[in-house]
């Protein structure tokens, strides 16, 4: 017993000393770090261009300083510190994005834990037992090599389903309450809460594997030959790794079109129930976006995995690999020659070298040789002429604004009006109630709002609008708005709420 306690204590002591998670919790700035991730990295594994993040943090830090947070450094300085602490990961990015920054796996895990501690899901619901039971039943069935046992289990399942069908035909079934729906939605979200950290871990493992393979390619022949041979055979060493295969399996299941359409329909049906209207708006939004966020993050990870595989193959099939090998060989020859010369006593630190060293940069012989810049030379002598103020016609100005921008405020009001009368409405139904005053721009605005805050219907719909006395009709993808599903419990402030 004593040895068990000692082993546990030593293990936890080592964890306290080495854990990135605990180092973050001990940091004075940990509330700011978690707030930055929660606000700007809601999908976890999707990186942001560093320049964009610096701009966002400049405004965030100004507001936080007004609230009493001590943030004396600039956003780039803090990001550098957080990268050094391994809370964030900096990547080269692409020519379009430039350098990118993303939270580490450990940081996402801390954010998930703190959110659970701050808002725990305390209910012991029956749906948890049902989920565990279903998972165990599936595992037992799919791991059983016996055909007879599998058939017997499927027969029992069929009998159970037939009994349920008979009960439904007889009208003997119960519809769960709003409280039960809320509990089950929370259970579903809990199951998905760790996925952003999993994406970050996969990206980290893939990057480490890429570096390991490149090091092996530069190793002596016996360690390099196998890797080269597999690459030239067309083997995707990145995708065939444990992390790659695991992610590819997840990615294939996630993007299955039949499954995706069913999931969209299930979510739409649940959120459209009368019993679900009073659900917490945050739960409604998170449930609606749960698989969309997974898809976005999965595309990001898949793109990086594909890019690493292509980059590795390009590396070995171009002169870059040969140049790296040549540089390694030159460095080894130089070290060997230096070691032999040092052992023979031929060279010391005081030996004169015949090879001249070329200095790079500006050669300043004397401070007096510098010509100082006179700011007065750029002074403007002539004063600018004042411009007389002119009165602007307010109606003309508003007309110009409406001609150049989509009036989201008008569209939000139109959606809010129809959702006061019914629980859900398609874009076409909104246009019947409130015609498109801006023509095609109104259609685009409604479609944008629906794709951000609505749910797909799975069926196309026809819309029409007037322009210069002519009626235009087009078919668009099917989307609908649902009462209570939005960034703030409805459709108020959608345009202003966009980052």
Protein backbone atom coordinates (compact mmCIF):
# COMPACT_ATOMS: atom_id res chain seq x y z
CA UNK A 1 0.00 0.00 0.00
CA UNK A 2 2.80 2.41 0.94
CA UNK A 3 4.63 1.79 -2.32
CA UNK A 4 1.40 2.45 -4.21
CA UNK A 5 0.95 5.79 -2.45
CA UNK A 6 4.61 6.68 -3.09
CA UNK A 7 4.36 5.82 -6.78
CA UNK A 8 1.21 7.91 -7.13
CA UNK A 9 2.75 10.82 -5.24
CA UNK A 10 5.94 10.75 -7.31
CA UNK A 11 3.92 10.54 -10.51
CA UNK A 12 1.76 13.52 -9.58
CA UNK A 13 4.84 15.47 -8.46
CA UNK A 14 6.46 14.89 -11.85
CA UNK A 15 3.21 15.89 -13.55
CA UNK A 16 3.11 19.13 -11.56
CA UNK A 17 6.67 19.98 -12.61
CA UNK A 18 6.32 19.05 -16.30
CA UNK A 19 2.66 19.72 -17.08
CA UNK A 20 1.88 22.50 -19.54
CA UNK A 21 -1.68 22.50 -18.25
CA UNK A 22 -0.67 23.32 -14.68
CA UNK A 23 1.87 25.91 -15.83
CA UNK A 24 -0.98 27.67 -17.63
CA UNK A 25 -3.27 27.50 -14.57
CA UNK A 26 -0.47 29.00 -12.44
CA UNK A 27 0.06 31.86 -14.90
CA UNK A 28 -1.25 35.32 -14.01
CA UNK A 29 -2.54 35.71 -17.56
CA UNK A 30 -4.39 32.40 -17.77
CA UNK A 31 -7.86 34.11 -17.83
CA UNK A 32 -6.72 36.20 -20.80
CA UNK A 33 -5.22 33.21 -22.62
CA UNK A 34 -8.40 31.15 -22.22
CA UNK A 35 -10.56 34.12 -23.23
CA UNK A 36 -8.53 34.56 -26.43
CA UNK A 37 -9.00 30.89 -27.36
CA UNK A 38 -12.71 30.84 -26.49
CA UNK A 39 -13.35 34.00 -28.51
CA UNK A 40 -11.12 33.60 -31.55
CA UNK A 41 -10.62 29.81 -31.84
CA UNK A 42 -14.13 28.37 -31.31
CA UNK A 43 -13.32 25.46 -33.62
CA UNK A 44 -10.04 24.67 -31.90
CA UNK A 45 -7.84 23.23 -34.60
CA UNK A 46 -8.40 25.92 -37.25
CA UNK A 47 -5.39 28.25 -37.28
CA UNK A 48 -5.53 32.01 -37.78
CA UNK A 49 -3.05 34.21 -39.64
CA UNK A 50 -0.79 35.84 -37.07
CA UNK A 51 -1.37 39.32 -38.51
CA UNK A 52 -5.16 38.93 -38.15
CA UNK A 53 -4.80 37.67 -34.59
CA UNK A 54 -2.56 40.61 -33.63
CA UNK A 55 -5.18 43.03 -34.93
CA UNK A 56 -7.98 41.29 -32.99
CA UNK A 57 -5.94 41.20 -29.80
CA UNK A 58 -5.12 44.92 -30.03
CA UNK A 59 -8.79 45.77 -29.57
CA UNK A 60 -9.29 42.99 -27.00
CA UNK A 61 -6.37 44.19 -24.88
CA UNK A 62 -7.66 47.76 -24.94
CA UNK A 63 -10.99 46.61 -23.50
CA UNK A 64 -9.31 44.30 -20.97
CA UNK A 65 -7.01 47.08 -19.75
CA UNK A 66 -10.06 49.26 -19.15
CA UNK A 67 -11.42 46.43 -16.97
CA UNK A 68 -8.28 46.37 -14.84
CA UNK A 69 -6.22 43.61 -16.47
CA UNK A 70 -2.49 44.36 -16.48
CA UNK A 71 -1.28 43.81 -20.04
CA UNK A 72 1.79 46.01 -20.53
CA UNK A 73 3.13 44.18 -23.60
CA UNK A 74 1.93 44.25 -27.20
CA UNK A 75 -0.05 41.36 -28.76
CA UNK A 76 2.97 40.05 -30.75
CA UNK A 77 5.06 39.98 -27.56
CA UNK A 78 2.39 38.01 -25.69
CA UNK A 79 1.92 35.57 -28.57
CA UNK A 80 5.70 35.02 -28.64
CA UNK A 81 5.67 34.33 -24.90
CA UNK A 82 2.74 31.93 -25.22
CA UNK A 83 4.40 30.10 -28.11
CA UNK A 84 7.58 29.72 -26.03
CA UNK A 85 5.44 28.33 -23.21
CA UNK A 86 3.98 25.86 -25.77
CA UNK A 87 0.44 27.02 -25.12
CA UNK A 88 0.18 28.17 -28.74
CA UNK A 89 1.73 26.70 -31.88
CA UNK A 90 3.22 28.89 -34.61
CA UNK A 91 3.37 27.50 -38.16
CA UNK A 92 4.83 28.90 -41.39
CA UNK A 93 1.45 28.92 -43.14
CA UNK A 94 1.12 29.59 -46.86
CA UNK A 95 1.92 32.47 -49.18
CA UNK A 96 -1.70 33.64 -48.84
CA UNK A 97 -2.02 33.43 -45.05
CA UNK A 98 1.55 34.03 -43.94
CA UNK A 99 2.54 32.82 -40.49
CA UNK A 100 -0.33 31.21 -38.57
CA UNK A 101 -1.03 30.68 -34.86
CA UNK A 102 -3.26 28.11 -33.18
CA UNK A 103 -3.83 26.81 -29.63
CA UNK A 104 -2.01 23.68 -28.55
CA UNK A 105 -3.69 20.44 -27.55
CA UNK A 106 -2.93 21.13 -23.88
CA UNK A 107 -4.44 24.63 -24.03
CA UNK A 108 -7.66 23.31 -25.58
CA UNK A 109 -7.83 20.61 -22.91
CA UNK A 110 -7.48 23.24 -20.16
CA UNK A 111 -10.22 25.37 -21.74
CA UNK A 112 -12.56 22.37 -21.91
CA UNK A 113 -11.82 21.44 -18.28
CA UNK A 114 -12.29 24.98 -16.95
CA UNK A 115 -15.58 25.35 -18.82
CA UNK A 116 -16.77 22.06 -17.32
CA UNK A 117 -15.73 23.19 -13.82
CA UNK A 118 -17.41 26.57 -14.26
CA UNK A 119 -20.63 25.14 -15.69
CA UNK A 120 -20.81 21.47 -14.70
CA UNK A 121 -23.37 19.09 -16.16
CA UNK A 122 -24.59 17.67 -12.86
CA UNK A 123 -27.64 15.72 -13.97
CA UNK A 124 -27.43 11.91 -13.90
CA UNK A 125 -29.64 11.27 -16.90
CA UNK A 126 -30.90 7.97 -18.25
CA UNK A 127 -29.57 8.89 -21.69
CA UNK A 128 -26.01 8.39 -20.42
CA UNK A 129 -26.77 4.79 -19.46
CA UNK A 130 -28.50 4.26 -22.80
CA UNK A 131 -25.48 5.64 -24.70
CA UNK A 132 -23.09 3.40 -22.75
CA UNK A 133 -25.34 0.39 -23.22
CA UNK A 134 -25.66 0.98 -26.97
CA UNK A 135 -21.90 1.43 -27.34
CA UNK A 136 -21.18 -1.80 -25.43
CA UNK A 137 -23.81 -3.70 -27.43
CA UNK A 138 -22.28 -2.53 -30.72
CA UNK A 139 -18.77 -3.39 -29.53
CA UNK A 140 -19.82 -6.88 -28.41
CA UNK A 141 -21.63 -7.55 -31.68
CA UNK A 142 -18.93 -6.27 -34.04
CA UNK A 143 -16.10 -8.03 -32.19
CA UNK A 144 -17.86 -11.43 -32.09
CA UNK A 145 -16.45 -13.87 -34.71
CA UNK A 146 -19.37 -16.31 -34.25
CA UNK A 147 -21.98 -16.14 -37.01
CA UNK A 148 -24.58 -17.88 -34.83
CA UNK A 149 -24.22 -15.37 -32.00
CA UNK A 150 -24.42 -12.46 -34.39
CA UNK A 151 -27.60 -13.81 -35.96
CA UNK A 152 -29.14 -14.45 -32.53
CA UNK A 153 -28.36 -10.89 -31.42
CA UNK A 154 -29.81 -9.43 -34.62
CA UNK A 155 -32.96 -11.55 -34.16
CA UNK A 156 -33.41 -10.17 -30.64
CA UNK A 157 -32.92 -6.66 -31.97
CA UNK A 158 -35.51 -7.26 -34.69
CA UNK A 159 -38.03 -8.57 -32.14
CA UNK A 160 -37.46 -5.49 -30.00
CA UNK A 161 -38.00 -3.17 -32.98
CA UNK A 162 -41.17 -5.07 -33.98
CA UNK A 163 -42.57 -4.63 -30.46
CA UNK A 164 -41.83 -0.91 -30.70
CA UNK A 165 -43.59 -0.72 -34.07
CA UNK A 166 -46.67 -2.41 -32.60
CA UNK A 167 -46.67 -0.01 -29.67
CA UNK A 168 -46.41 3.04 -31.95
CA UNK A 169 -49.23 1.72 -34.15
CA UNK A 170 -51.33 1.42 -31.02
CA UNK A 171 -50.42 4.98 -30.00
CA UNK A 172 -48.51 3.76 -26.95
CA UNK A 173 -45.42 5.96 -26.91
CA UNK A 174 -44.17 8.97 -24.95
CA UNK A 175 -42.66 12.22 -26.19
CA UNK A 176 -39.81 13.37 -23.97
CA UNK A 177 -40.10 16.68 -22.16
CA UNK A 178 -38.11 19.88 -22.61
CA UNK A 179 -35.99 19.00 -19.58
CA UNK A 180 -35.15 15.57 -21.02
CA UNK A 181 -34.30 17.10 -24.40
CA UNK A 182 -32.00 19.59 -22.67
CA UNK A 183 -30.27 16.78 -20.75
CA UNK A 184 -29.68 14.71 -23.87
CA UNK A 185 -28.41 17.69 -25.86
CA UNK A 186 -25.95 18.41 -23.03
CA UNK A 187 -24.82 14.76 -23.09
CA UNK A 188 -24.22 14.95 -26.84
CA UNK A 189 -22.23 18.16 -26.49
CA UNK A 190 -20.18 16.62 -23.66
CA UNK A 191 -19.23 13.73 -25.94
CA UNK A 192 -18.03 16.18 -28.59
CA UNK A 193 -16.25 18.57 -26.21
CA UNK A 194 -12.83 16.87 -26.45
CA UNK A 195 -12.75 16.68 -30.25
CA UNK A 196 -11.02 20.09 -30.80
CA UNK A 197 -8.14 18.95 -28.58
CA UNK A 198 -8.01 15.67 -30.52
CA UNK A 199 -7.66 17.61 -33.79
CA UNK A 200 -4.81 19.64 -32.30
CA UNK A 201 -3.07 16.45 -31.16
CA UNK A 202 -3.40 14.87 -34.62
CA UNK A 203 -1.88 17.96 -36.25
CA UNK A 204 0.97 17.88 -33.75
CA UNK A 205 1.60 14.17 -34.38
CA UNK A 206 1.58 14.67 -38.15
CA UNK A 207 4.05 17.55 -37.90
CA UNK A 208 6.34 15.50 -35.67
CA UNK A 209 6.15 12.57 -38.10
CA UNK A 210 7.03 14.86 -41.01
CA UNK A 211 10.13 16.12 -39.17
CA UNK A 212 11.10 12.57 -38.19
CA UNK A 213 10.87 11.32 -41.78
CA UNK A 214 12.96 14.22 -43.05
CA UNK A 215 15.62 13.49 -40.43
CA UNK A 216 15.63 9.83 -41.47
CA UNK A 217 16.13 10.87 -45.09
CA UNK A 218 19.30 12.70 -44.07
CA UNK A 219 20.60 9.81 -41.96
CA UNK A 220 23.18 7.26 -43.24
CA UNK A 221 22.18 4.94 -46.05
CA UNK A 222 20.85 2.09 -43.91
CA UNK A 223 18.28 4.33 -42.24
CA UNK A 224 17.42 6.32 -45.36
CA UNK A 225 16.93 3.59 -47.95
CA UNK A 226 13.63 2.20 -46.69
CA UNK A 227 12.01 5.64 -46.45
CA UNK A 228 13.19 6.64 -49.93
CA UNK A 229 12.04 3.37 -51.46
CA UNK A 230 8.53 3.69 -50.00
CA UNK A 231 8.19 7.32 -51.11
CA UNK A 232 9.27 6.49 -54.66
CA UNK A 233 6.75 3.64 -54.71
CA UNK A 234 4.03 6.19 -54.02
CA UNK A 235 3.39 5.20 -50.41
CA UNK A 236 1.84 8.00 -48.36
CA UNK A 237 3.92 7.67 -45.20
CA UNK A 238 2.00 10.51 -43.52
CA UNK A 239 -1.44 9.08 -44.28
CA UNK A 240 -0.38 5.50 -43.48
CA UNK A 241 0.83 6.42 -39.99
CA UNK A 242 -1.27 5.57 -36.92
CA UNK A 243 -2.42 9.18 -36.58
CA UNK A 244 -3.13 9.42 -40.33
CA UNK A 245 -5.16 6.21 -40.50
CA UNK A 246 -7.14 7.11 -37.41
CA UNK A 247 -7.95 10.57 -38.77
CA UNK A 248 -8.81 9.26 -42.25
CA UNK A 249 -11.31 6.82 -40.74
CA UNK A 250 -12.91 9.66 -38.77
CA UNK A 251 -12.88 11.92 -41.84
CA UNK A 252 -14.51 9.32 -44.10
CA UNK A 253 -17.33 8.68 -41.62
CA UNK A 254 -17.85 12.40 -41.02
CA UNK A 255 -18.15 13.20 -44.72
CA UNK A 256 -20.44 10.29 -45.60
CA UNK A 257 -23.19 12.06 -47.56
CA UNK A 258 -26.00 9.75 -46.45
CA UNK A 259 -25.01 10.04 -42.81
CA UNK A 260 -24.57 13.82 -43.09
CA UNK A 261 -28.05 14.28 -44.58
CA UNK A 262 -29.56 12.17 -41.81
CA UNK A 263 -27.70 14.15 -39.14
CA UNK A 264 -28.89 17.46 -40.62
CA UNK A 265 -32.45 16.14 -40.67
CA UNK A 266 -32.27 14.87 -37.08
CA UNK A 267 -30.90 18.16 -35.77
CA UNK A 268 -33.47 20.12 -37.75
CA UNK A 269 -36.29 17.92 -36.43
CA UNK A 270 -35.11 18.21 -32.81
CA UNK A 271 -34.74 21.98 -32.90
CA UNK A 272 -38.10 22.33 -34.65
CA UNK A 273 -40.06 20.53 -31.91
CA UNK A 274 -42.35 22.62 -29.75
CA UNK A 275 -40.70 21.07 -26.69
CA UNK A 276 -37.29 22.38 -27.88
CA UNK A 277 -38.34 26.00 -28.40
CA UNK A 278 -37.50 26.88 -24.78
CA UNK A 279 -34.05 25.29 -24.86
CA UNK A 280 -31.10 27.43 -23.82
CA UNK A 281 -30.12 29.41 -26.97
CA UNK A 282 -26.46 28.52 -26.39
CA UNK A 283 -27.33 24.79 -26.42
CA UNK A 284 -29.41 25.20 -29.58
CA UNK A 285 -26.59 26.99 -31.41
CA UNK A 286 -23.92 24.54 -30.27
CA UNK A 287 -26.04 21.54 -31.28
CA UNK A 288 -26.75 23.02 -34.70
CA UNK A 289 -23.06 23.83 -35.33
CA UNK A 290 -21.56 20.69 -33.76
CA UNK A 291 -20.99 18.75 -36.99
CA UNK A 292 -20.39 21.84 -39.12
CA UNK A 293 -17.52 22.84 -36.81
CA UNK A 294 -16.17 19.29 -36.96
CA UNK A 295 -16.25 19.38 -40.76
CA UNK A 296 -14.44 22.74 -40.90
CA UNK A 297 -11.74 21.55 -38.51
CA UNK A 298 -11.46 18.22 -40.35
CA UNK A 299 -10.93 19.95 -43.69
CA UNK A 300 -8.16 21.99 -42.07
CA UNK A 301 -6.40 18.89 -40.69
CA UNK A 302 -6.92 16.94 -43.93
CA UNK A 303 -5.46 19.80 -45.94
CA UNK A 304 -2.40 19.92 -43.72
CA UNK A 305 -1.92 16.13 -43.88
CA UNK A 306 -2.19 16.17 -47.67
CA UNK A 307 0.18 19.12 -47.88
CA UNK A 308 2.78 17.38 -45.70
CA UNK A 309 2.62 14.24 -47.84
CA UNK A 310 3.04 16.23 -51.06
CA UNK A 311 5.81 18.32 -49.56
CA UNK A 312 7.71 15.20 -48.48
CA UNK A 313 7.46 13.64 -51.93
CA UNK A 314 8.47 16.92 -53.60
CA UNK A 315 11.44 17.15 -51.23
CA UNK A 316 12.91 13.80 -52.31
CA UNK A 317 12.22 14.27 -56.03
CA UNK A 318 13.86 17.69 -56.40
CA UNK A 319 17.33 19.13 -55.92
CA UNK A 320 16.41 20.28 -52.41
CA UNK A 321 17.03 16.80 -51.00
CA UNK A 322 20.34 16.47 -52.84
CA UNK A 323 21.45 19.89 -51.59
CA UNK A 324 20.55 18.97 -48.01
CA UNK A 325 22.49 15.71 -48.31
CA UNK A 326 25.48 17.59 -49.75
CA UNK A 327 25.35 20.13 -46.91
CA UNK A 328 25.23 17.36 -44.29
CA UNK A 329 28.23 15.66 -45.90
CA UNK A 330 30.22 18.93 -45.99
CA UNK A 331 29.49 19.58 -42.33
CA UNK A 332 30.59 16.05 -41.39
CA UNK A 333 33.80 16.38 -43.42
CA UNK A 334 34.51 19.74 -41.79
CA UNK A 335 33.98 18.36 -38.28
CA UNK A 336 36.21 15.35 -39.04
CA UNK A 337 38.97 17.55 -40.43
CA UNK A 338 38.76 19.91 -37.44
CA UNK A 339 38.91 17.00 -34.99
CA UNK A 340 41.97 15.48 -36.69
CA UNK A 341 43.75 18.85 -36.81
CA UNK A 342 43.01 19.49 -33.14
CA UNK A 343 44.31 16.03 -32.16
CA UNK A 344 47.57 16.61 -34.12
CA UNK A 345 48.07 19.97 -32.51
CA UNK A 346 48.30 21.68 -35.87
CA UNK A 347 45.71 24.37 -35.15
CA UNK A 348 45.10 26.51 -32.07
CA UNK A 349 42.90 29.49 -31.43
CA UNK A 350 45.88 31.79 -32.14
CA UNK A 351 46.70 30.44 -35.62
CA UNK A 352 46.64 32.97 -38.45
CA UNK A 353 44.12 32.09 -41.17
CA UNK A 354 44.99 32.72 -44.82
CA UNK A 355 41.30 32.71 -45.83
CA UNK A 356 39.94 36.27 -45.65
CA UNK A 357 36.66 36.84 -43.81
CA UNK A 358 34.27 39.10 -45.65
CA UNK A 359 32.21 41.28 -43.35
CA UNK A 360 28.62 41.84 -44.38
CA UNK A 361 26.94 45.17 -43.64
CA UNK A 362 27.75 48.84 -43.50
CA UNK A 363 31.33 49.79 -42.68
CA UNK A 364 31.23 52.92 -40.46
CA UNK A 365 34.69 54.37 -39.96
CA UNK A 366 33.71 57.46 -37.99
CA UNK A 367 30.59 58.93 -36.47
CA UNK A 368 31.53 62.23 -38.07
CA UNK A 369 31.09 60.59 -41.46
CA UNK A 370 27.38 60.11 -40.85
CA UNK A 371 25.04 62.69 -42.33
CA UNK A 372 22.18 63.38 -39.96
CA UNK A 373 18.68 63.76 -41.29
CA UNK A 374 17.11 67.18 -40.84
CA UNK A 375 13.38 66.88 -40.16
CA UNK A 376 12.93 70.50 -41.16
CA UNK A 377 13.71 69.67 -44.78
CA UNK A 378 10.38 67.88 -45.04
CA UNK A 379 8.38 70.71 -43.53
CA UNK A 380 5.56 72.01 -45.71
CA UNK A 381 5.89 75.79 -46.11
CA UNK A 382 2.50 76.47 -47.68
CA UNK A 383 -0.53 76.06 -45.47
CA UNK A 384 -3.38 73.95 -46.89
CA UNK A 385 -6.40 75.86 -48.04
CA UNK A 386 -9.50 75.31 -45.91
CA UNK A 387 -12.39 73.49 -47.56
CA UNK A 388 -15.84 74.88 -47.02
CA UNK A 389 -18.27 72.47 -45.39
CA UNK A 390 -21.25 71.41 -47.48
CA UNK A 391 -24.63 70.18 -46.40
CA UNK A 392 -25.35 66.54 -47.31
CA UNK A 393 -28.81 65.41 -48.35
CA UNK A 394 -29.66 62.66 -45.83
CA UNK A 395 -32.07 60.87 -48.14
CA UNK A 396 -29.52 60.81 -50.97
CA UNK A 397 -26.84 59.54 -48.60
CA UNK A 398 -29.06 56.72 -47.29
CA UNK A 399 -30.00 55.74 -50.84
CA UNK A 400 -26.32 55.49 -51.77
CA UNK A 401 -25.63 53.34 -48.70
CA UNK A 402 -28.52 50.97 -49.56
CA UNK A 403 -27.25 50.74 -53.14
CA UNK A 404 -23.78 49.67 -52.01
CA UNK A 405 -24.50 47.54 -48.91
CA UNK A 406 -26.99 44.87 -47.89
CA UNK A 407 -29.46 46.17 -45.32
CA UNK A 408 -29.07 43.36 -42.76
CA UNK A 409 -31.06 45.28 -40.16
CA UNK A 410 -34.11 45.27 -42.43
CA UNK A 411 -33.67 41.55 -43.17
CA UNK A 412 -33.28 40.68 -39.47
CA UNK A 413 -36.50 42.55 -38.71
CA UNK A 414 -38.27 40.65 -41.51
CA UNK A 415 -37.13 37.30 -40.10
CA UNK A 416 -38.08 38.31 -36.55
CA UNK A 417 -41.58 39.36 -37.66
CA UNK A 418 -42.41 36.05 -39.34
CA UNK A 419 -40.89 33.98 -36.49
CA UNK A 420 -43.24 35.70 -34.07
CA UNK A 421 -46.10 34.07 -35.97
CA UNK A 422 -44.61 30.62 -36.62
CA UNK A 423 -41.79 28.48 -35.19
CA UNK A 424 -39.83 28.21 -38.45
CA UNK A 425 -39.81 29.83 -41.89
CA UNK A 426 -38.00 29.30 -45.17
CA UNK A 427 -36.37 32.10 -47.16
CA UNK A 428 -39.26 31.98 -49.62
CA UNK A 429 -41.78 32.40 -46.79
CA UNK A 430 -39.85 35.41 -45.46
CA UNK A 431 -39.96 37.02 -48.91
CA UNK A 432 -43.72 36.48 -49.16
CA UNK A 433 -44.17 38.33 -45.86
CA UNK A 434 -41.50 40.99 -46.59
CA UNK A 435 -40.62 41.46 -50.30
CA UNK A 436 -36.99 41.99 -51.32
CA UNK A 437 -36.64 45.79 -51.33
CA UNK A 438 -33.02 45.56 -52.49
CA UNK A 439 -33.65 42.96 -55.18
CA UNK A 440 -31.01 40.29 -55.51
CA UNK A 441 -29.03 41.83 -52.63
CA UNK A 442 -31.88 40.97 -50.25
CA UNK A 443 -31.86 37.36 -51.49
CA UNK A 444 -28.10 37.12 -50.96
CA UNK A 445 -28.43 38.64 -47.49
CA UNK A 446 -31.14 36.20 -46.42
CA UNK A 447 -29.18 33.26 -47.81
CA UNK A 448 -26.07 34.41 -45.94
CA UNK A 449 -28.02 34.76 -42.68
CA UNK A 450 -29.62 31.33 -43.12
CA UNK A 451 -26.28 29.63 -43.82
CA UNK A 452 -24.84 31.20 -40.67
CA UNK A 453 -27.78 30.90 -38.28
CA UNK A 454 -30.42 28.69 -39.93
CA UNK A 455 -30.69 25.01 -40.80
CA UNK A 456 -30.87 23.29 -44.21
CA UNK A 457 -34.20 21.86 -45.36
CA UNK A 458 -32.70 19.42 -47.84
CA UNK A 459 -35.04 20.64 -50.61
CA UNK A 460 -34.47 23.55 -53.04
CA UNK A 461 -36.88 26.47 -52.97
CA UNK A 462 -38.03 29.10 -55.49
CA UNK A 463 -37.66 32.82 -54.71
CA UNK A 464 -38.63 35.91 -56.67
CA UNK A 465 -37.97 39.65 -56.56
CA UNK A 466 -38.74 42.80 -58.52
CA UNK A 467 -36.10 44.86 -60.35
CA UNK A 468 -36.97 47.83 -62.53
CA UNK A 469 -40.49 46.55 -63.06
CA UNK A 470 -39.42 43.02 -64.01
CA UNK A 471 -40.08 39.96 -61.84
CA UNK A 472 -37.13 37.61 -61.51
CA UNK A 473 -37.43 34.00 -60.32
CA UNK A 474 -34.60 31.71 -59.27
CA UNK A 475 -34.14 28.38 -57.47
CA UNK A 476 -31.79 28.39 -54.47
CA UNK A 477 -30.70 25.78 -51.94
CA UNK A 478 -33.22 25.11 -49.18
CA UNK A 479 -32.66 26.89 -45.84
CA UNK A 480 -34.98 27.87 -43.06
CA UNK A 481 -34.88 30.01 -39.92
CA UNK A 482 -35.97 28.54 -36.57
CA UNK A 483 -37.28 30.58 -33.68
CA UNK A 484 -34.71 30.81 -30.90
CA UNK A 485 -31.83 29.50 -33.03
CA UNK A 486 -29.32 32.34 -33.32
CA UNK A 487 -26.27 33.97 -31.82
CA UNK A 488 -28.27 35.65 -29.05
CA UNK A 489 -31.46 33.65 -28.81
CA UNK A 490 -32.91 34.97 -32.04
CA UNK A 491 -31.85 36.90 -35.11
CA UNK A 492 -30.95 40.23 -33.52
CA UNK A 493 -27.53 41.59 -34.34
CA UNK A 494 -26.36 38.98 -36.84
CA UNK A 495 -24.52 41.46 -39.02
CA UNK A 496 -22.98 43.25 -36.07
CA UNK A 497 -21.99 39.95 -34.43
CA UNK A 498 -19.77 38.80 -37.28
CA UNK A 499 -16.06 38.87 -36.63
